[in-house]
Amino acid sequence: MRGFTEQEALPFAEFARSTAFQVRFIEFMPLDADHAWSPDSVLAGDEIRRIIDAVHPLEELPREPSATARVFHFADGRGEVGFVNPVSEPFCADCNRVRLTADGKLRTCLFSMHETDLRRPLRIGASDLELEEVIRDAVWRKELKHHVGEPGFRQPPRTMSAIGG
């Protein structure tokens, strides 16, 4: 979040350099309960990378297919940081993620306005084959992109915590 994360970036980078943990910076997304998100409140991943790189030079590692994070190691070999930037650097083109919410809904995109109910078929005794068909149909309808930041974008009714993130 702009105005907050800038001062946190270097301490988190230092933590990544002093441990075996890969610290990941995840952009502020329009999935907040108080609807405070706005494009101006997003501190883009490249801005955080510049802050860190100015003190501890970074080198990008090859991106794994369908990965959500761009991963960088410190040039001196002391640790790694990752950046998940769905707003400023969307990875929709090769996203293969789906989520199952705690109440049994399948979401094919975090920002989707649509969900597929899996709880009901399970409760009425759907066979594995029937469930597979429901899931395949939902995945075939998976959005091509999330439209965040585009005119007409609407924030999904569920917050990140209600989705399962």
C-alpha atoms as a PDB file:
ATOM      1  CA  MET A   1       0.000   0.000   0.000  1.00  0.00           C
ATOM      2  CA  ARG A   2       1.368   3.371  -0.998  1.00  0.00           C
ATOM      3  CA  GLY A   3       2.330   5.436   2.030  1.00  0.00           C
ATOM      4  CA  PHE A   4       2.854   2.343   4.174  1.00  0.00           C
ATOM      5  CA  THR A   5       4.929  -0.297   2.432  1.00  0.00           C
ATOM      6  CA  GLU A   6       7.795   1.960   1.341  1.00  0.00           C
ATOM      7  CA  GLN A   7       9.255   2.029   4.858  1.00  0.00           C
ATOM      8  CA  GLU A   8       8.635  -1.713   5.325  1.00  0.00           C
ATOM      9  CA  ALA A   9      10.398  -2.863   2.139  1.00  0.00           C
ATOM     10  CA  LEU A  10      14.003  -2.732   3.365  1.00  0.00           C
ATOM     11  CA  PRO A  11      13.355  -4.327   6.780  1.00  0.00           C
ATOM     12  CA  PHE A  12      11.564  -7.204   5.031  1.00  0.00           C
ATOM     13  CA  ALA A  13      14.424  -7.479   2.531  1.00  0.00           C
ATOM     14  CA  GLU A  14      16.871  -7.646   5.445  1.00  0.00           C
ATOM     15  CA  PHE A  15      14.765 -10.428   6.957  1.00  0.00           C
ATOM     16  CA  ALA A  16      14.905 -12.355   3.656  1.00  0.00           C
ATOM     17  CA  ARG A  17      18.683 -11.882   3.575  1.00  0.00           C
ATOM     18  CA  SER A  18      19.132 -13.193   7.126  1.00  0.00           C
ATOM     19  CA  THR A  19      16.875 -16.270   6.931  1.00  0.00           C
ATOM     20  CA  ALA A  20      16.019 -19.100   4.572  1.00  0.00           C
ATOM     21  CA  PHE A  21      12.544 -17.570   4.020  1.00  0.00           C
ATOM     22  CA  GLN A  22      11.551 -16.057   0.700  1.00  0.00           C
ATOM     23  CA  VAL A  23       9.718 -12.849   1.524  1.00  0.00           C
ATOM     24  CA  ARG A  24       6.911 -12.022  -0.897  1.00  0.00           C
ATOM     25  CA  PHE A  25       5.416  -8.619  -1.502  1.00  0.00           C
ATOM     26  CA  ILE A  26       1.786  -8.854  -2.623  1.00  0.00           C
ATOM     27  CA  GLU A  27       0.148  -5.816  -4.180  1.00  0.00           C
ATOM     28  CA  PHE A  28      -2.859  -4.251  -2.538  1.00  0.00           C
ATOM     29  CA  MET A  29      -5.848  -5.672  -4.426  1.00  0.00           C
ATOM     30  CA  PRO A  30      -9.491  -4.603  -4.620  1.00  0.00           C
ATOM     31  CA  LEU A  31     -10.611  -7.344  -2.247  1.00  0.00           C
ATOM     32  CA  ASP A  32     -10.724  -5.309   0.969  1.00  0.00           C
ATOM     33  CA  ALA A  33     -13.756  -5.254   3.254  1.00  0.00           C
ATOM     34  CA  ASP A  34     -13.797  -1.493   3.721  1.00  0.00           C
ATOM     35  CA  HIS A  35     -13.502  -0.793  -0.025  1.00  0.00           C
ATOM     36  CA  ALA A  36     -10.559   1.555   0.559  1.00  0.00           C
ATOM     37  CA  TRP A  37      -8.763   0.231  -2.525  1.00  0.00           C
ATOM     38  CA  SER A  38      -8.079   2.647  -5.357  1.00  0.00           C
ATOM     39  CA  PRO A  39      -5.513   2.528  -8.163  1.00  0.00           C
ATOM     40  CA  ASP A  40      -3.633   5.384  -6.482  1.00  0.00           C
ATOM     41  CA  SER A  41      -3.237   3.337  -3.280  1.00  0.00           C
ATOM     42  CA  VAL A  42      -1.317   0.566  -5.064  1.00  0.00           C
ATOM     43  CA  LEU A  43       2.432   0.610  -4.586  1.00  0.00           C
ATOM     44  CA  ALA A  44       3.500  -1.289  -7.686  1.00  0.00           C
ATOM     45  CA  GLY A  45       5.996  -4.112  -7.455  1.00  0.00           C
ATOM     46  CA  ASP A  46       8.543  -2.329  -9.625  1.00  0.00           C
ATOM     47  CA  GLU A  47       8.583   0.572  -7.158  1.00  0.00           C
ATOM     48  CA  ILE A  48       9.327  -1.771  -4.250  1.00  0.00           C
ATOM     49  CA  ARG A  49      11.984  -3.540  -6.329  1.00  0.00           C
ATOM     50  CA  ARG A  50      13.700  -0.189  -6.996  1.00  0.00           C
ATOM     51  CA  ILE A  51      13.720   0.626  -3.261  1.00  0.00           C
ATOM     52  CA  ILE A  52      15.335  -2.713  -2.430  1.00  0.00           C
ATOM     53  CA  ASP A  53      17.630  -2.848  -5.469  1.00  0.00           C
ATOM     54  CA  ALA A  54      19.112   0.558  -4.580  1.00  0.00           C
ATOM     55  CA  VAL A  55      20.505  -0.971  -1.360  1.00  0.00           C
ATOM     56  CA  HIS A  56      20.722  -4.672  -2.203  1.00  0.00           C
ATOM     57  CA  PRO A  57      21.006  -5.343  -5.952  1.00  0.00           C
ATOM     58  CA  LEU A  58      18.503  -7.889  -7.230  1.00  0.00           C
ATOM     59  CA  GLU A  59      18.682 -10.411 -10.068  1.00  0.00           C
ATOM     60  CA  GLU A  60      15.519 -11.949 -11.488  1.00  0.00           C
ATOM     61  CA  LEU A  61      15.223 -15.713 -11.586  1.00  0.00           C
ATOM     62  CA  PRO A  62      13.435 -17.464 -14.468  1.00  0.00           C
ATOM     63  CA  ARG A  63       9.675 -17.469 -13.961  1.00  0.00           C
ATOM     64  CA  GLU A  64       8.074 -20.853 -13.574  1.00  0.00           C
ATOM     65  CA  PRO A  65       5.071 -21.470 -15.866  1.00  0.00           C
ATOM     66  CA  SER A  66       1.839 -20.236 -14.261  1.00  0.00           C
ATOM     67  CA  ALA A  67       3.698 -18.775 -11.281  1.00  0.00           C
ATOM     68  CA  THR A  68       2.039 -15.863  -9.537  1.00  0.00           C
ATOM     69  CA  ALA A  69       5.307 -14.411  -8.276  1.00  0.00           C
ATOM     70  CA  ARG A  70       8.342 -12.958  -9.994  1.00  0.00           C
ATOM     71  CA  VAL A  71      11.258 -14.101  -7.853  1.00  0.00           C
ATOM     72  CA  PHE A  72      14.558 -12.281  -7.436  1.00  0.00           C
ATOM     73  CA  HIS A  73      17.659 -13.286  -5.540  1.00  0.00           C
ATOM     74  CA  PHE A  74      20.058 -10.819  -4.050  1.00  0.00           C
ATOM     75  CA  ALA A  75      23.102 -10.426  -6.293  1.00  0.00           C
ATOM     76  CA  ASP A  76      25.395 -11.417  -3.417  1.00  0.00           C
ATOM     77  CA  GLY A  77      23.475 -14.694  -3.027  1.00  0.00           C
ATOM     78  CA  ARG A  78      22.010 -13.922   0.401  1.00  0.00           C
ATOM     79  CA  GLY A  79      18.304 -14.683   0.058  1.00  0.00           C
ATOM     80  CA  GLU A  80      15.316 -14.189  -2.219  1.00  0.00           C
ATOM     81  CA  VAL A  81      12.275 -11.967  -2.498  1.00  0.00           C
ATOM     82  CA  GLY A  82       9.162 -12.469  -4.585  1.00  0.00           C
ATOM     83  CA  PHE A  83       6.653 -10.025  -6.000  1.00  0.00           C
ATOM     84  CA  VAL A  84       3.015 -10.896  -6.683  1.00  0.00           C
ATOM     85  CA  ASN A  85       1.706  -8.012  -8.772  1.00  0.00           C
ATOM     86  CA  PRO A  86      -1.739  -8.839 -10.147  1.00  0.00           C
ATOM     87  CA  VAL A  87      -2.629  -5.154 -10.529  1.00  0.00           C
ATOM     88  CA  SER A  88       0.507  -3.650 -12.119  1.00  0.00           C
ATOM     89  CA  GLU A  89       1.855  -6.811 -13.807  1.00  0.00           C
ATOM     90  CA  PRO A  90      -1.115  -9.134 -14.426  1.00  0.00           C
ATOM     91  CA  PHE A  91      -0.287 -12.784 -15.064  1.00  0.00           C
ATOM     92  CA  CYS A  92      -3.781 -13.714 -16.265  1.00  0.00           C
ATOM     93  CA  ALA A  93      -2.586 -15.095 -19.604  1.00  0.00           C
ATOM     94  CA  ASP A  94      -1.146 -18.228 -18.026  1.00  0.00           C
ATOM     95  CA  CYS A  95      -2.978 -18.350 -14.701  1.00  0.00           C
ATOM     96  CA  ASN A  96      -4.098 -21.859 -13.801  1.00  0.00           C
ATOM     97  CA  ARG A  97      -5.414 -21.050 -10.325  1.00  0.00           C
ATOM     98  CA  VAL A  98      -8.854 -21.821  -8.944  1.00  0.00           C
ATOM     99  CA  ARG A  99     -10.037 -21.500  -5.342  1.00  0.00           C
ATOM    100  CA  LEU A 100     -12.529 -23.359  -3.250  1.00  0.00           C
ATOM    101  CA  THR A 101     -14.166 -21.150  -0.632  1.00  0.00           C
ATOM    102  CA  ALA A 102     -14.980 -22.378   2.861  1.00  0.00           C
ATOM    103  CA  ASP A 103     -18.672 -22.511   1.922  1.00  0.00           C
ATOM    104  CA  GLY A 104     -18.086 -24.741  -1.100  1.00  0.00           C
ATOM    105  CA  LYS A 105     -17.957 -22.296  -3.999  1.00  0.00           C
ATOM    106  CA  LEU A 106     -15.393 -22.686  -6.785  1.00  0.00           C
ATOM    107  CA  ARG A 107     -13.848 -19.408  -7.949  1.00  0.00           C
ATOM    108  CA  THR A 108     -11.863 -19.347 -11.167  1.00  0.00           C
ATOM    109  CA  CYS A 109     -10.432 -15.874 -10.505  1.00  0.00           C
ATOM    110  CA  LEU A 110      -9.957 -13.890  -7.313  1.00  0.00           C
ATOM    111  CA  PHE A 111     -11.751 -10.986  -8.969  1.00  0.00           C
ATOM    112  CA  SER A 112     -14.597 -12.987 -10.467  1.00  0.00           C
ATOM    113  CA  MET A 113     -18.186 -11.967  -9.943  1.00  0.00           C
ATOM    114  CA  HIS A 114     -19.220 -15.588 -10.549  1.00  0.00           C
ATOM    115  CA  GLU A 115     -18.858 -18.733  -8.468  1.00  0.00           C
ATOM    116  CA  THR A 116     -19.786 -22.350  -9.069  1.00  0.00           C
ATOM    117  CA  ASP A 117     -21.548 -24.135  -6.234  1.00  0.00           C
ATOM    118  CA  LEU A 118     -19.904 -27.450  -5.362  1.00  0.00           C
ATOM    119  CA  ARG A 119     -21.450 -27.851  -1.922  1.00  0.00           C
ATOM    120  CA  ARG A 120     -24.941 -28.598  -3.211  1.00  0.00           C
ATOM    121  CA  PRO A 121     -23.880 -31.338  -5.657  1.00  0.00           C
ATOM    122  CA  LEU A 122     -21.737 -32.896  -2.925  1.00  0.00           C
ATOM    123  CA  ARG A 123     -24.579 -32.843  -0.411  1.00  0.00           C
ATOM    124  CA  ILE A 124     -27.043 -34.452  -2.789  1.00  0.00           C
ATOM    125  CA  GLY A 125     -24.606 -37.252  -3.573  1.00  0.00           C
ATOM    126  CA  ALA A 126     -23.117 -36.300  -6.933  1.00  0.00           C
ATOM    127  CA  SER A 127     -20.719 -38.883  -8.283  1.00  0.00           C
ATOM    128  CA  ASP A 128     -17.064 -38.102  -8.891  1.00  0.00           C
ATOM    129  CA  LEU A 129     -17.805 -38.004 -12.600  1.00  0.00           C
ATOM    130  CA  GLU A 130     -20.640 -35.505 -12.083  1.00  0.00           C
ATOM    131  CA  LEU A 131     -18.421 -33.305  -9.900  1.00  0.00           C
ATOM    132  CA  GLU A 132     -15.660 -33.494 -12.477  1.00  0.00           C
ATOM    133  CA  GLU A 133     -18.102 -32.252 -15.117  1.00  0.00           C
ATOM    134  CA  VAL A 134     -19.204 -29.307 -12.948  1.00  0.00           C
ATOM    135  CA  ILE A 135     -15.584 -28.353 -12.271  1.00  0.00           C
ATOM    136  CA  ARG A 136     -14.541 -28.733 -15.922  1.00  0.00           C
ATOM    137  CA  ASP A 137     -17.463 -26.537 -17.029  1.00  0.00           C
ATOM    138  CA  ALA A 138     -16.429 -23.852 -14.523  1.00  0.00           C
ATOM    139  CA  VAL A 139     -12.790 -23.978 -15.616  1.00  0.00           C
ATOM    140  CA  TRP A 140     -13.787 -23.709 -19.297  1.00  0.00           C
ATOM    141  CA  ARG A 141     -15.656 -20.509 -18.367  1.00  0.00           C
ATOM    142  CA  LYS A 142     -12.606 -19.109 -16.518  1.00  0.00           C
ATOM    143  CA  GLU A 143     -12.157 -15.430 -17.251  1.00  0.00           C
ATOM    144  CA  LEU A 144      -9.383 -14.504 -19.683  1.00  0.00           C
ATOM    145  CA  LYS A 145      -8.344 -11.581 -17.474  1.00  0.00           C
ATOM    146  CA  HIS A 146      -9.442  -9.799 -14.326  1.00  0.00           C
ATOM    147  CA  HIS A 147     -10.140  -6.244 -15.621  1.00  0.00           C
ATOM    148  CA  VAL A 148      -8.780  -4.542 -12.481  1.00  0.00           C
ATOM    149  CA  GLY A 149      -8.080  -0.891 -13.266  1.00  0.00           C
ATOM    150  CA  GLU A 150     -10.194  -0.907 -16.421  1.00  0.00           C
ATOM    151  CA  PRO A 151     -13.306   1.241 -16.838  1.00  0.00           C
ATOM    152  CA  GLY A 152     -16.351  -0.524 -15.448  1.00  0.00           C
ATOM    153  CA  PHE A 153     -14.404  -2.791 -13.099  1.00  0.00           C
ATOM    154  CA  ARG A 154     -16.467  -3.718 -10.058  1.00  0.00           C
ATOM    155  CA  GLN A 155     -14.991  -5.086  -6.865  1.00  0.00           C
ATOM    156  CA  PRO A 156     -16.238  -8.607  -6.149  1.00  0.00           C
ATOM    157  CA  PRO A 157     -18.663  -8.867  -3.241  1.00  0.00           C
ATOM    158  CA  ARG A 158     -16.392 -11.244  -1.317  1.00  0.00           C
ATOM    159  CA  THR A 159     -13.300  -9.985   0.468  1.00  0.00           C
ATOM    160  CA  MET A 160     -10.001 -11.844   0.338  1.00  0.00           C
ATOM    161  CA  SER A 161     -10.628 -13.380   3.751  1.00  0.00           C
ATOM    162  CA  ALA A 162     -14.029 -14.643   2.612  1.00  0.00           C
ATOM    163  CA  ILE A 163     -12.501 -16.137  -0.531  1.00  0.00           C
ATOM    164  CA  GLY A 164      -9.793 -17.976   1.340  1.00  0.00           C
ATOM    165  CA  GLY A 165      -6.641 -15.983   0.879  1.00  0.00           C
END
